[in-house]
């Protein structure tokens, strides 16, 4: 008779206070900003912004926030300032360093003129090296690129080397001061 009572007790449904897996995941705390997963997603968002040439304001758009929240509810998107001042400049510096290392490797190994090579090969290697030096070591080209980066609202001075920030800032200031009176005169005529 006691066995029947035990069986009877186990057949009765009991109420459970255990939360469902879905509810647990939904109410999970956000990733710490130092966690690997947070970094992976942040890097992916930065890559998306850079590769697809999206406005940095994309991260503040409701649709984008909804998409990211749907994909991972625990991820909190950093501010657009974080992407413009930290994530994208870091990505740029990393990529630039990789390119500079590749160019240095090309110069020191692949395009290095060897004694056992033909005159034609030596001439071609020398011409390629001089072209690369002219194209990538030209101060005027670098200044133009720095000015373009400084004027782009997405980048400002983030991608200008620290040595060139003051001269670029001074040049921009002087050019704005010089052209401001002319711009004011044109606007009065309209």
Foldseek 3Di string as FASTA:
>chain_A
DVVVVVVVVVPDDDDDPDDDPVVCQLPDAADDCPDPVQVVVQLVVLCCCVVVVNALCCLVDPVSVVVVCVVHVRHDHDHSCCSLQPNNLVVVVVVVVVVVVVVVCCLPPVLDDDPPDDPVSVVVSVVVVVVCCCVPVPPVVLLVVQLVQLPPPSHNNSNPPPVCPVVSVVVVVVVCVVCVVVVVVVVVVD
